[in-house]
Amino acid sequence: MRKISFRQIPATAALFLSAFGVLSSLFFTGCGAMNAEYVPPTIIIPQNIKSIGVQPFENKTSQPGIENKLWLAVTQEFINDGRIRYMDDAKKADGVVVGTIIQYVETETSHDQNLIPTEYQIWVVMNLKFLDQTKNQYLWEEPLMEQKFRYFTETQPGGMTREQAREELWSRFAIDIVKRTVEGFGTVTSASPKSIPSQNKTPVPINPPPAYPTTAPY
């Protein structure tokens, strides 16, 4: 049988074969990318920090016990994350997370026709620091780290109790704290100092009920 050279193939057929080769290459490249193993984010903690602990958080708000709830969520998140060894006894850890909750604000955001609140927002702000105990110095500070969570009351479809909403907020906060500690600056959100309400002022609801005029007694 006489062999056919590439030059004898019509130009349109040659173009088709070239395009087919390019598409095949892209296809197999894409398959290789899809089969690639997950690579976790880079750990930027100094090499001398081999273990981490979490100091009990300080609470400067009027909400008792929230510091313990957040501390439990953060410790569990470090254990679940597993990228660095967690120490139950913070005094024995190379690095320690130190935090202070400075603001807790809960506001009504929606009401029904009877002016009964149907939705709330919880806003918590804290200051976070990381202590290198091997050198007895703070490596970084994350001031005004915040977390907000809006939820419908339990009387609404898909609603929840205040305690359930708080648990969700602590969980989200814990993820951010671990991310900030292990992955570094710029991985979490902080509040503007101007947006933090004064401790002495009563927070104003975002969507307060209308104020009706008082009626004088007869």
N, C-alpha and C. Protein backbone atom coordinates (compact mmCIF):
# COMPACT_ATOMS: atom_id res chain seq x y z
N MET A 1 0.85 -1.20 0.00
CA MET A 1 0.00 0.00 0.00
C MET A 1 0.88 1.23 0.00
N ARG A 2 0.53 2.23 -0.80
CA ARG A 2 1.30 3.46 -0.90
C ARG A 2 0.97 4.36 0.28
N LYS A 3 2.02 4.84 0.97
CA LYS A 3 1.82 5.72 2.11
C LYS A 3 1.41 7.11 1.65
N ILE A 4 0.55 7.74 2.46
CA ILE A 4 0.09 9.10 2.13
C ILE A 4 0.83 10.07 3.02
N SER A 5 1.51 11.02 2.42
CA SER A 5 2.23 12.02 3.20
C SER A 5 1.27 13.09 3.69
N PHE A 6 1.72 13.82 4.74
CA PHE A 6 0.88 14.90 5.30
C PHE A 6 0.61 15.98 4.27
N ARG A 7 1.53 16.17 3.33
CA ARG A 7 1.36 17.20 2.31
C ARG A 7 0.22 16.89 1.37
N GLN A 8 -0.12 15.58 1.21
CA GLN A 8 -1.17 15.19 0.29
C GLN A 8 -2.56 15.33 0.90
N ILE A 9 -2.63 15.59 2.21
CA ILE A 9 -3.92 15.76 2.86
C ILE A 9 -4.43 17.17 2.60
N PRO A 10 -5.69 17.33 2.24
CA PRO A 10 -6.23 18.67 2.00
C PRO A 10 -6.01 19.57 3.21
N ALA A 11 -5.95 20.87 2.94
CA ALA A 11 -5.66 21.85 4.00
C ALA A 11 -6.68 21.79 5.11
N THR A 12 -7.96 21.60 4.77
CA THR A 12 -9.01 21.57 5.80
C THR A 12 -8.85 20.37 6.71
N ALA A 13 -8.46 19.22 6.11
CA ALA A 13 -8.26 18.02 6.92
C ALA A 13 -7.06 18.18 7.84
N ALA A 14 -6.02 18.79 7.34
CA ALA A 14 -4.83 19.02 8.16
C ALA A 14 -5.16 19.93 9.33
N LEU A 15 -5.95 20.95 9.07
CA LEU A 15 -6.35 21.88 10.14
C LEU A 15 -7.16 21.15 11.20
N PHE A 16 -8.04 20.23 10.73
CA PHE A 16 -8.86 19.46 11.66
C PHE A 16 -7.98 18.58 12.56
N LEU A 17 -7.00 17.91 11.97
CA LEU A 17 -6.12 17.06 12.75
C LEU A 17 -5.32 17.86 13.76
N SER A 18 -4.88 19.05 13.39
CA SER A 18 -4.11 19.90 14.31
C SER A 18 -4.98 20.32 15.49
N ALA A 19 -6.23 20.73 15.19
CA ALA A 19 -7.15 21.14 16.24
C ALA A 19 -7.46 19.99 17.18
N PHE A 20 -7.63 18.79 16.60
CA PHE A 20 -7.92 17.60 17.41
C PHE A 20 -6.77 17.31 18.37
N GLY A 21 -5.55 17.49 17.89
CA GLY A 21 -4.40 17.25 18.77
C GLY A 21 -4.35 18.23 19.93
N VAL A 22 -4.67 19.50 19.66
CA VAL A 22 -4.66 20.51 20.73
C VAL A 22 -5.73 20.20 21.76
N LEU A 23 -6.95 19.87 21.29
CA LEU A 23 -8.05 19.56 22.21
C LEU A 23 -7.74 18.33 23.05
N SER A 24 -7.12 17.33 22.44
CA SER A 24 -6.76 16.12 23.18
C SER A 24 -5.77 16.44 24.28
N SER A 25 -4.82 17.32 23.95
CA SER A 25 -3.82 17.71 24.95
C SER A 25 -4.47 18.42 26.13
N LEU A 26 -5.40 19.35 25.82
CA LEU A 26 -6.10 20.08 26.88
C LEU A 26 -6.95 19.15 27.72
N PHE A 27 -7.59 18.17 27.07
CA PHE A 27 -8.46 17.24 27.79
C PHE A 27 -7.67 16.43 28.81
N PHE A 28 -6.54 15.86 28.37
CA PHE A 28 -5.77 15.03 29.29
C PHE A 28 -5.10 15.87 30.37
N THR A 29 -4.76 17.11 30.02
CA THR A 29 -4.21 18.01 31.03
C THR A 29 -5.25 18.29 32.10
N GLY A 30 -6.50 18.55 31.65
CA GLY A 30 -7.59 18.80 32.60
C GLY A 30 -7.86 17.61 33.47
N CYS A 31 -7.81 16.40 32.90
CA CYS A 31 -8.03 15.19 33.69
C CYS A 31 -6.96 15.06 34.75
N GLY A 32 -5.74 15.41 34.38
CA GLY A 32 -4.66 15.33 35.36
C GLY A 32 -4.87 16.31 36.49
N ALA A 33 -5.40 17.52 36.16
CA ALA A 33 -5.65 18.52 37.20
C ALA A 33 -6.75 18.07 38.12
N MET A 34 -7.80 17.40 37.54
CA MET A 34 -8.90 16.95 38.37
C MET A 34 -8.47 15.85 39.32
N ASN A 35 -7.47 15.06 38.91
CA ASN A 35 -7.02 13.96 39.74
C ASN A 35 -5.93 14.38 40.72
N ALA A 36 -5.51 15.66 40.66
CA ALA A 36 -4.45 16.13 41.54
C ALA A 36 -4.93 16.10 42.99
N GLU A 37 -4.02 15.76 43.91
CA GLU A 37 -4.36 15.70 45.32
C GLU A 37 -4.50 17.09 45.89
N TYR A 38 -5.37 17.21 46.92
CA TYR A 38 -5.57 18.50 47.59
C TYR A 38 -4.31 18.89 48.36
N VAL A 39 -3.89 20.12 48.19
CA VAL A 39 -2.71 20.63 48.89
C VAL A 39 -3.18 21.65 49.92
N PRO A 40 -3.00 21.39 51.21
CA PRO A 40 -3.45 22.32 52.24
C PRO A 40 -2.68 23.63 52.18
N PRO A 41 -3.27 24.71 52.71
CA PRO A 41 -2.58 26.01 52.72
C PRO A 41 -1.25 25.91 53.45
N THR A 42 -0.32 26.75 53.06
CA THR A 42 1.00 26.76 53.66
C THR A 42 0.94 27.23 55.11
N ILE A 43 1.69 26.57 55.97
CA ILE A 43 1.78 26.98 57.36
C ILE A 43 2.90 28.01 57.48
N ILE A 44 2.61 29.18 58.05
CA ILE A 44 3.62 30.23 58.14
C ILE A 44 4.10 30.45 59.57
N ILE A 45 3.71 29.57 60.50
CA ILE A 45 4.17 29.68 61.87
C ILE A 45 5.68 29.43 61.90
N PRO A 46 6.43 30.20 62.69
CA PRO A 46 7.89 29.98 62.80
C PRO A 46 8.22 28.53 63.12
N GLN A 47 9.37 28.08 62.65
CA GLN A 47 9.75 26.68 62.79
C GLN A 47 9.92 26.25 64.24
N ASN A 48 10.21 27.20 65.13
CA ASN A 48 10.39 26.83 66.53
C ASN A 48 9.07 26.57 67.25
N ILE A 49 7.94 26.92 66.60
CA ILE A 49 6.62 26.67 67.19
C ILE A 49 6.14 25.30 66.73
N LYS A 50 6.27 24.31 67.59
CA LYS A 50 5.87 22.94 67.26
C LYS A 50 4.52 22.56 67.86
N SER A 51 4.04 23.36 68.79
CA SER A 51 2.76 23.07 69.44
C SER A 51 2.06 24.37 69.82
N ILE A 52 0.74 24.29 69.93
CA ILE A 52 -0.06 25.49 70.21
C ILE A 52 -1.05 25.20 71.33
N GLY A 53 -1.28 26.22 72.14
CA GLY A 53 -2.30 26.16 73.17
C GLY A 53 -3.16 27.42 73.10
N VAL A 54 -4.27 27.41 73.81
CA VAL A 54 -5.17 28.57 73.82
C VAL A 54 -5.41 28.96 75.28
N GLN A 55 -5.00 30.15 75.60
CA GLN A 55 -5.23 30.67 76.95
C GLN A 55 -6.71 31.00 77.12
N PRO A 56 -7.29 30.73 78.30
CA PRO A 56 -8.69 31.12 78.52
C PRO A 56 -8.91 32.59 78.17
N PHE A 57 -9.95 32.84 77.38
CA PHE A 57 -10.18 34.20 76.91
C PHE A 57 -10.71 35.10 78.03
N GLU A 58 -10.38 36.37 77.91
CA GLU A 58 -10.90 37.37 78.83
C GLU A 58 -12.18 37.95 78.25
N ASN A 59 -13.12 38.26 79.12
CA ASN A 59 -14.42 38.77 78.68
C ASN A 59 -14.68 40.14 79.31
N LYS A 60 -14.73 41.17 78.48
CA LYS A 60 -14.99 42.52 78.97
C LYS A 60 -16.40 43.00 78.63
N THR A 61 -17.27 42.08 78.29
CA THR A 61 -18.66 42.43 77.97
C THR A 61 -19.55 42.12 79.16
N SER A 62 -20.83 42.44 79.02
CA SER A 62 -21.80 42.17 80.07
C SER A 62 -22.46 40.80 79.90
N GLN A 63 -21.96 40.01 78.95
CA GLN A 63 -22.53 38.68 78.68
C GLN A 63 -21.68 37.62 79.38
N PRO A 64 -22.14 37.09 80.50
CA PRO A 64 -21.32 36.13 81.24
C PRO A 64 -21.20 34.79 80.52
N GLY A 65 -20.01 34.21 80.59
CA GLY A 65 -19.80 32.86 80.09
C GLY A 65 -19.49 32.72 78.61
N ILE A 66 -19.61 33.79 77.83
CA ILE A 66 -19.38 33.64 76.39
C ILE A 66 -17.91 33.35 76.09
N GLU A 67 -17.01 33.79 76.98
CA GLU A 67 -15.59 33.54 76.76
C GLU A 67 -15.29 32.05 76.82
N ASN A 68 -16.00 31.33 77.68
CA ASN A 68 -15.79 29.88 77.79
C ASN A 68 -16.31 29.15 76.55
N LYS A 69 -17.46 29.59 76.04
CA LYS A 69 -18.03 28.98 74.83
C LYS A 69 -17.09 29.15 73.64
N LEU A 70 -16.56 30.36 73.50
CA LEU A 70 -15.66 30.61 72.38
C LEU A 70 -14.36 29.84 72.56
N TRP A 71 -13.86 29.78 73.78
CA TRP A 71 -12.61 29.04 74.04
C TRP A 71 -12.75 27.58 73.68
N LEU A 72 -13.87 26.97 74.05
CA LEU A 72 -14.10 25.57 73.73
C LEU A 72 -14.16 25.34 72.21
N ALA A 73 -14.82 26.26 71.51
CA ALA A 73 -14.93 26.14 70.05
C ALA A 73 -13.56 26.26 69.39
N VAL A 74 -12.73 27.17 69.88
CA VAL A 74 -11.40 27.37 69.29
C VAL A 74 -10.50 26.17 69.56
N THR A 75 -10.50 25.67 70.77
CA THR A 75 -9.66 24.50 71.06
C THR A 75 -10.06 23.30 70.21
N GLN A 76 -11.34 23.09 70.05
CA GLN A 76 -11.81 21.96 69.23
C GLN A 76 -11.43 22.15 67.77
N GLU A 77 -11.46 23.39 67.28
CA GLU A 77 -11.11 23.66 65.90
C GLU A 77 -9.62 23.41 65.65
N PHE A 78 -8.76 23.76 66.60
CA PHE A 78 -7.33 23.46 66.47
C PHE A 78 -7.11 21.95 66.40
N ILE A 79 -7.84 21.21 67.23
CA ILE A 79 -7.71 19.74 67.22
C ILE A 79 -8.19 19.17 65.89
N ASN A 80 -9.33 19.67 65.40
CA ASN A 80 -9.87 19.18 64.12
C ASN A 80 -8.97 19.55 62.95
N ASP A 81 -8.36 20.74 63.00
CA ASP A 81 -7.52 21.21 61.91
C ASP A 81 -6.29 20.31 61.75
N GLY A 82 -5.62 20.04 62.84
CA GLY A 82 -4.54 19.06 62.84
C GLY A 82 -3.24 19.45 62.18
N ARG A 83 -3.11 20.67 61.70
CA ARG A 83 -1.86 21.05 61.03
C ARG A 83 -0.72 21.32 62.01
N ILE A 84 -1.08 21.56 63.25
CA ILE A 84 -0.06 21.77 64.28
C ILE A 84 -0.58 21.14 65.56
N ARG A 85 0.31 20.58 66.34
CA ARG A 85 -0.08 19.85 67.55
C ARG A 85 -0.70 20.78 68.58
N TYR A 86 -1.84 20.37 69.12
CA TYR A 86 -2.52 21.18 70.13
C TYR A 86 -2.23 20.64 71.52
N MET A 87 -1.95 21.56 72.47
CA MET A 87 -1.65 21.20 73.85
C MET A 87 -2.79 21.66 74.75
N ASP A 88 -3.35 20.74 75.53
CA ASP A 88 -4.40 21.11 76.47
C ASP A 88 -3.89 22.10 77.52
N ASP A 89 -2.66 21.87 77.96
CA ASP A 89 -2.04 22.76 78.93
C ASP A 89 -1.28 23.84 78.16
N ALA A 90 -1.85 25.04 78.10
CA ALA A 90 -1.23 26.12 77.32
C ALA A 90 0.17 26.47 77.82
N LYS A 91 0.45 26.23 79.10
CA LYS A 91 1.76 26.55 79.65
C LYS A 91 2.86 25.69 79.04
N LYS A 92 2.50 24.53 78.51
CA LYS A 92 3.49 23.63 77.94
C LYS A 92 3.62 23.79 76.42
N ALA A 93 2.83 24.66 75.82
CA ALA A 93 2.86 24.85 74.36
C ALA A 93 3.95 25.85 73.97
N ASP A 94 4.46 25.69 72.74
CA ASP A 94 5.46 26.64 72.23
C ASP A 94 4.83 28.00 71.93
N GLY A 95 3.60 27.96 71.41
CA GLY A 95 2.90 29.19 71.08
C GLY A 95 1.51 29.19 71.71
N VAL A 96 1.04 30.37 72.10
CA VAL A 96 -0.24 30.46 72.78
C VAL A 96 -1.09 31.57 72.17
N VAL A 97 -2.36 31.23 71.89
CA VAL A 97 -3.32 32.22 71.41
C VAL A 97 -3.92 32.92 72.63
N VAL A 98 -3.88 34.25 72.61
CA VAL A 98 -4.40 35.05 73.72
C VAL A 98 -5.48 35.98 73.17
N GLY A 99 -6.66 35.96 73.77
CA GLY A 99 -7.76 36.77 73.24
C GLY A 99 -8.59 37.44 74.31
N THR A 100 -9.18 38.58 73.95
CA THR A 100 -10.07 39.32 74.83
C THR A 100 -11.30 39.73 74.06
N ILE A 101 -12.47 39.29 74.52
CA ILE A 101 -13.73 39.72 73.90
C ILE A 101 -14.08 41.10 74.43
N ILE A 102 -14.18 42.06 73.55
CA ILE A 102 -14.38 43.44 73.99
C ILE A 102 -15.77 43.98 73.65
N GLN A 103 -16.52 43.27 72.80
CA GLN A 103 -17.83 43.80 72.40
C GLN A 103 -18.79 42.66 72.06
N TYR A 104 -19.99 42.77 72.59
CA TYR A 104 -21.08 41.86 72.23
C TYR A 104 -22.32 42.72 72.02
N VAL A 105 -22.83 42.70 70.79
CA VAL A 105 -24.01 43.51 70.46
C VAL A 105 -25.04 42.61 69.79
N GLU A 106 -26.24 42.63 70.30
CA GLU A 106 -27.34 41.88 69.69
C GLU A 106 -28.47 42.85 69.37
N THR A 107 -28.87 42.91 68.11
CA THR A 107 -29.87 43.88 67.68
C THR A 107 -31.01 43.20 66.93
N GLU A 108 -32.17 43.80 67.02
CA GLU A 108 -33.33 43.34 66.25
C GLU A 108 -33.21 43.89 64.84
N THR A 109 -33.37 43.04 63.85
CA THR A 109 -33.23 43.48 62.46
C THR A 109 -34.52 43.40 61.67
N SER A 110 -35.48 42.61 62.14
CA SER A 110 -36.78 42.50 61.44
C SER A 110 -37.88 42.28 62.47
N HIS A 111 -39.11 42.73 62.10
CA HIS A 111 -40.27 42.56 62.97
C HIS A 111 -41.47 42.14 62.14
N ASP A 112 -42.43 41.49 62.80
CA ASP A 112 -43.66 41.14 62.11
C ASP A 112 -44.66 42.28 62.23
N GLN A 113 -45.88 42.07 61.75
CA GLN A 113 -46.88 43.13 61.74
C GLN A 113 -47.29 43.57 63.15
N ASN A 114 -47.02 42.73 64.13
CA ASN A 114 -47.32 43.07 65.52
C ASN A 114 -46.10 43.64 66.25
N LEU A 115 -45.07 43.98 65.48
CA LEU A 115 -43.83 44.57 66.01
C LEU A 115 -43.06 43.61 66.91
N ILE A 116 -43.29 42.33 66.73
CA ILE A 116 -42.54 41.31 67.46
C ILE A 116 -41.28 40.96 66.65
N PRO A 117 -40.11 40.99 67.26
CA PRO A 117 -38.88 40.69 66.52
C PRO A 117 -38.90 39.29 65.91
N THR A 118 -38.51 39.21 64.65
CA THR A 118 -38.44 37.92 63.96
C THR A 118 -37.02 37.59 63.52
N GLU A 119 -36.13 38.56 63.59
CA GLU A 119 -34.74 38.34 63.16
C GLU A 119 -33.82 39.19 64.02
N TYR A 120 -32.67 38.61 64.35
CA TYR A 120 -31.66 39.30 65.15
C TYR A 120 -30.29 39.20 64.48
N GLN A 121 -29.40 40.09 64.89
CA GLN A 121 -27.99 39.98 64.50
C GLN A 121 -27.13 40.03 65.76
N ILE A 122 -26.20 39.08 65.84
CA ILE A 122 -25.22 39.07 66.92
C ILE A 122 -23.88 39.51 66.34
N TRP A 123 -23.24 40.45 67.02
CA TRP A 123 -21.96 40.99 66.55
C TRP A 123 -20.97 40.94 67.71
N VAL A 124 -19.89 40.19 67.52
CA VAL A 124 -18.88 40.03 68.56
C VAL A 124 -17.53 40.52 68.02
N VAL A 125 -16.83 41.28 68.85
CA VAL A 125 -15.52 41.80 68.48
C VAL A 125 -14.52 41.42 69.57
N MET A 126 -13.32 41.01 69.15
CA MET A 126 -12.30 40.65 70.12
C MET A 126 -10.92 41.07 69.64
N ASN A 127 -10.00 41.19 70.57
CA ASN A 127 -8.59 41.42 70.26
C ASN A 127 -7.85 40.10 70.41
N LEU A 128 -7.00 39.78 69.44
CA LEU A 128 -6.30 38.50 69.42
C LEU A 128 -4.80 38.73 69.31
N LYS A 129 -4.04 37.94 70.06
CA LYS A 129 -2.57 38.01 70.01
C LYS A 129 -2.00 36.59 70.03
N PHE A 130 -0.76 36.48 69.56
CA PHE A 130 -0.10 35.18 69.56
C PHE A 130 1.24 35.32 70.28
N LEU A 131 1.40 34.53 71.34
CA LEU A 131 2.60 34.60 72.18
C LEU A 131 3.54 33.43 71.88
N ASP A 132 4.78 33.77 71.53
CA ASP A 132 5.84 32.77 71.36
C ASP A 132 6.46 32.55 72.74
N GLN A 133 6.10 31.43 73.39
CA GLN A 133 6.57 31.20 74.75
C GLN A 133 8.03 30.77 74.79
N THR A 134 8.56 30.30 73.65
CA THR A 134 9.97 29.91 73.63
C THR A 134 10.88 31.14 73.70
N LYS A 135 10.36 32.28 73.26
CA LYS A 135 11.12 33.53 73.28
C LYS A 135 10.48 34.59 74.18
N ASN A 136 9.31 34.24 74.74
CA ASN A 136 8.59 35.14 75.63
C ASN A 136 8.31 36.49 74.96
N GLN A 137 7.75 36.42 73.75
CA GLN A 137 7.40 37.66 73.04
C GLN A 137 6.21 37.42 72.14
N TYR A 138 5.42 38.46 71.92
CA TYR A 138 4.27 38.37 71.03
C TYR A 138 4.73 38.49 69.59
N LEU A 139 4.28 37.57 68.75
CA LEU A 139 4.68 37.59 67.34
C LEU A 139 3.77 38.47 66.51
N TRP A 140 2.47 38.51 66.86
CA TRP A 140 1.55 39.34 66.10
C TRP A 140 0.32 39.66 66.95
N GLU A 141 -0.42 40.65 66.47
CA GLU A 141 -1.66 41.06 67.13
C GLU A 141 -2.72 41.34 66.07
N GLU A 142 -3.93 40.87 66.30
CA GLU A 142 -5.05 41.10 65.38
C GLU A 142 -6.14 41.84 66.18
N PRO A 143 -6.10 43.19 66.17
CA PRO A 143 -7.09 43.94 66.94
C PRO A 143 -8.44 43.99 66.23
N LEU A 144 -9.49 44.05 67.02
CA LEU A 144 -10.85 44.23 66.52
C LEU A 144 -11.27 43.14 65.53
N MET A 145 -10.88 41.92 65.79
CA MET A 145 -11.33 40.80 64.97
C MET A 145 -12.81 40.58 65.25
N GLU A 146 -13.61 40.46 64.19
CA GLU A 146 -15.06 40.45 64.38
C GLU A 146 -15.72 39.26 63.71
N GLN A 147 -16.95 39.00 64.17
CA GLN A 147 -17.80 38.00 63.55
C GLN A 147 -19.25 38.43 63.75
N LYS A 148 -20.03 38.40 62.66
CA LYS A 148 -21.45 38.75 62.72
C LYS A 148 -22.27 37.56 62.25
N PHE A 149 -23.46 37.43 62.87
CA PHE A 149 -24.34 36.34 62.47
C PHE A 149 -25.79 36.78 62.64
N ARG A 150 -26.55 36.69 61.55
CA ARG A 150 -27.98 37.02 61.58
C ARG A 150 -28.79 35.74 61.58
N TYR A 151 -29.87 35.75 62.35
CA TYR A 151 -30.68 34.54 62.43
C TYR A 151 -32.14 34.89 62.67
N PHE A 152 -33.03 34.04 62.17
CA PHE A 152 -34.45 34.18 62.42
C PHE A 152 -34.80 33.49 63.74
N THR A 153 -35.78 34.03 64.43
CA THR A 153 -36.20 33.43 65.69
C THR A 153 -36.82 32.06 65.45
N GLU A 154 -36.94 31.29 66.51
CA GLU A 154 -37.43 29.92 66.38
C GLU A 154 -38.88 29.84 65.96
N THR A 155 -39.61 30.96 66.00
CA THR A 155 -41.00 30.95 65.54
C THR A 155 -41.10 31.06 64.03
N GLN A 156 -39.98 31.33 63.37
CA GLN A 156 -39.96 31.49 61.91
C GLN A 156 -39.44 30.21 61.26
N PRO A 157 -39.84 29.98 60.00
CA PRO A 157 -39.32 28.80 59.28
C PRO A 157 -37.80 28.82 59.21
N GLY A 158 -37.18 27.73 59.59
CA GLY A 158 -35.72 27.65 59.57
C GLY A 158 -35.05 28.46 60.66
N GLY A 159 -35.83 28.90 61.64
CA GLY A 159 -35.29 29.72 62.71
C GLY A 159 -34.54 28.91 63.75
N MET A 160 -33.98 29.61 64.73
CA MET A 160 -33.21 28.96 65.79
C MET A 160 -33.29 29.77 67.06
N THR A 161 -32.88 29.17 68.15
CA THR A 161 -32.84 29.86 69.42
C THR A 161 -31.60 30.75 69.49
N ARG A 162 -31.57 31.63 70.46
CA ARG A 162 -30.40 32.50 70.64
C ARG A 162 -29.16 31.66 70.91
N GLU A 163 -29.30 30.63 71.74
CA GLU A 163 -28.13 29.81 72.07
C GLU A 163 -27.61 29.08 70.84
N GLN A 164 -28.51 28.60 69.98
CA GLN A 164 -28.07 27.95 68.74
C GLN A 164 -27.35 28.94 67.83
N ALA A 165 -27.84 30.16 67.78
CA ALA A 165 -27.19 31.19 66.97
C ALA A 165 -25.80 31.50 67.51
N ARG A 166 -25.69 31.58 68.82
CA ARG A 166 -24.38 31.82 69.42
C ARG A 166 -23.41 30.69 69.10
N GLU A 167 -23.87 29.45 69.18
CA GLU A 167 -23.00 28.32 68.88
C GLU A 167 -22.48 28.39 67.45
N GLU A 168 -23.34 28.81 66.53
CA GLU A 168 -22.91 28.97 65.13
C GLU A 168 -21.87 30.07 65.01
N LEU A 169 -22.08 31.16 65.73
CA LEU A 169 -21.13 32.26 65.69
C LEU A 169 -19.79 31.84 66.28
N TRP A 170 -19.81 31.10 67.41
CA TRP A 170 -18.54 30.64 68.00
C TRP A 170 -17.80 29.72 67.03
N SER A 171 -18.54 28.88 66.34
CA SER A 171 -17.91 27.97 65.38
C SER A 171 -17.23 28.74 64.25
N ARG A 172 -17.91 29.76 63.74
CA ARG A 172 -17.31 30.57 62.66
C ARG A 172 -16.10 31.35 63.17
N PHE A 173 -16.23 31.87 64.39
CA PHE A 173 -15.11 32.61 64.98
C PHE A 173 -13.90 31.68 65.15
N ALA A 174 -14.15 30.47 65.60
CA ALA A 174 -13.06 29.52 65.82
C ALA A 174 -12.32 29.22 64.52
N ILE A 175 -13.05 29.05 63.44
CA ILE A 175 -12.42 28.79 62.14
C ILE A 175 -11.51 29.96 61.75
N ASP A 176 -11.99 31.19 61.96
CA ASP A 176 -11.18 32.37 61.63
C ASP A 176 -9.93 32.47 62.51
N ILE A 177 -10.07 32.16 63.79
CA ILE A 177 -8.93 32.26 64.70
C ILE A 177 -7.85 31.24 64.32
N VAL A 178 -8.25 30.02 64.02
CA VAL A 178 -7.28 29.01 63.59
C VAL A 178 -6.63 29.41 62.27
N LYS A 179 -7.44 29.93 61.36
CA LYS A 179 -6.91 30.36 60.06
C LYS A 179 -5.90 31.49 60.23
N ARG A 180 -6.22 32.45 61.08
CA ARG A 180 -5.30 33.57 61.32
C ARG A 180 -4.00 33.08 61.95
N THR A 181 -4.10 32.13 62.85
CA THR A 181 -2.93 31.63 63.55
C THR A 181 -2.02 30.81 62.63
N VAL A 182 -2.61 29.96 61.81
CA VAL A 182 -1.83 29.02 61.01
C VAL A 182 -1.45 29.60 59.65
N GLU A 183 -2.36 30.36 59.05
CA GLU A 183 -2.14 30.82 57.67
C GLU A 183 -1.67 32.27 57.57
N GLY A 184 -1.86 33.06 58.62
CA GLY A 184 -1.26 34.38 58.62
C GLY A 184 -2.18 35.55 58.38
N PHE A 185 -1.56 36.73 58.31
CA PHE A 185 -2.27 38.00 58.20
C PHE A 185 -3.06 38.08 56.89
N GLY A 186 -4.22 38.73 56.97
CA GLY A 186 -5.05 38.93 55.79
C GLY A 186 -6.04 37.83 55.53
N THR A 187 -6.10 36.81 56.40
CA THR A 187 -7.02 35.70 56.17
C THR A 187 -8.34 35.88 56.90
N VAL A 188 -8.45 36.93 57.73
CA VAL A 188 -9.68 37.17 58.49
C VAL A 188 -10.07 38.64 58.38
N THR A 189 -11.26 38.95 58.90
CA THR A 189 -11.80 40.30 58.81
C THR A 189 -11.77 40.98 60.17
N SER A 190 -11.36 42.24 60.16
CA SER A 190 -11.37 43.04 61.39
C SER A 190 -12.30 44.22 61.20
N ALA A 191 -12.83 44.71 62.31
CA ALA A 191 -13.76 45.84 62.27
C ALA A 191 -13.00 47.15 62.30
N SER A 192 -13.61 48.20 61.76
CA SER A 192 -13.05 49.53 61.84
C SER A 192 -13.27 50.07 63.25
N PRO A 193 -12.27 50.74 63.84
CA PRO A 193 -12.45 51.30 65.18
C PRO A 193 -13.65 52.24 65.27
N LYS A 194 -13.97 52.93 64.18
CA LYS A 194 -15.08 53.87 64.19
C LYS A 194 -16.43 53.17 64.27
N SER A 195 -16.46 51.88 63.87
CA SER A 195 -17.74 51.18 63.85
C SER A 195 -18.05 50.49 65.17
N ILE A 196 -17.08 50.48 66.09
CA ILE A 196 -17.30 49.82 67.38
C ILE A 196 -18.07 50.76 68.30
N PRO A 197 -19.28 50.39 68.71
CA PRO A 197 -20.05 51.25 69.60
C PRO A 197 -19.43 51.33 70.98
N SER A 198 -19.69 52.44 71.64
CA SER A 198 -19.16 52.63 72.99
C SER A 198 -19.82 51.66 73.95
N GLN A 199 -19.05 51.22 74.94
CA GLN A 199 -19.59 50.30 75.94
C GLN A 199 -20.69 50.96 76.76
N ASN A 200 -20.69 52.29 76.83
CA ASN A 200 -21.65 52.99 77.67
C ASN A 200 -22.94 53.36 76.95
N LYS A 201 -23.00 53.05 75.66
CA LYS A 201 -24.17 53.41 74.88
C LYS A 201 -25.01 52.17 74.59
N THR A 202 -26.32 52.35 74.60
CA THR A 202 -27.22 51.27 74.26
C THR A 202 -27.28 51.13 72.75
N PRO A 203 -26.98 49.95 72.18
CA PRO A 203 -26.98 49.79 70.73
C PRO A 203 -28.35 50.06 70.14
N VAL A 204 -28.37 50.75 69.01
CA VAL A 204 -29.61 51.09 68.34
C VAL A 204 -29.94 50.01 67.34
N PRO A 205 -31.16 49.44 67.35
CA PRO A 205 -31.51 48.41 66.37
C PRO A 205 -31.38 48.91 64.95
N ILE A 206 -30.98 48.01 64.04
CA ILE A 206 -30.83 48.38 62.64
C ILE A 206 -32.18 48.76 62.04
N ASN A 207 -33.22 48.02 62.41
CA ASN A 207 -34.55 48.28 61.88
C ASN A 207 -35.55 48.33 63.04
N PRO A 208 -35.52 49.43 63.83
CA PRO A 208 -36.35 49.48 65.04
C PRO A 208 -37.82 49.61 64.69
N PRO A 209 -38.71 49.18 65.60
CA PRO A 209 -40.15 49.34 65.36
C PRO A 209 -40.53 50.80 65.39
N PRO A 210 -41.58 51.18 64.67
CA PRO A 210 -41.99 52.59 64.65
C PRO A 210 -42.40 53.07 66.02
N ALA A 211 -42.12 54.33 66.31
CA ALA A 211 -42.46 54.93 67.61
C ALA A 211 -43.85 55.58 67.49
N TYR A 212 -44.79 55.08 68.26
CA TYR A 212 -46.13 55.63 68.24
C TYR A 212 -46.27 56.73 69.29
N PRO A 213 -47.03 57.80 68.99
CA PRO A 213 -47.19 58.86 69.99
C PRO A 213 -47.95 58.36 71.21
N THR A 214 -47.54 58.85 72.36
CA THR A 214 -48.21 58.45 73.59
C THR A 214 -49.57 59.15 73.68
N THR A 215 -50.51 58.51 74.33
CA THR A 215 -51.84 59.07 74.49
C THR A 215 -52.03 59.57 75.92
N ALA A 216 -52.38 60.83 76.06
CA ALA A 216 -52.55 61.40 77.37
C ALA A 216 -53.77 60.79 78.06
N PRO A 217 -53.71 60.56 79.36
CA PRO A 217 -54.86 59.99 80.05
C PRO A 217 -56.03 60.95 80.08
N TYR A 218 -57.25 60.44 80.14
CA TYR A 218 -58.43 61.29 80.16
C TYR A 218 -58.52 62.00 81.51
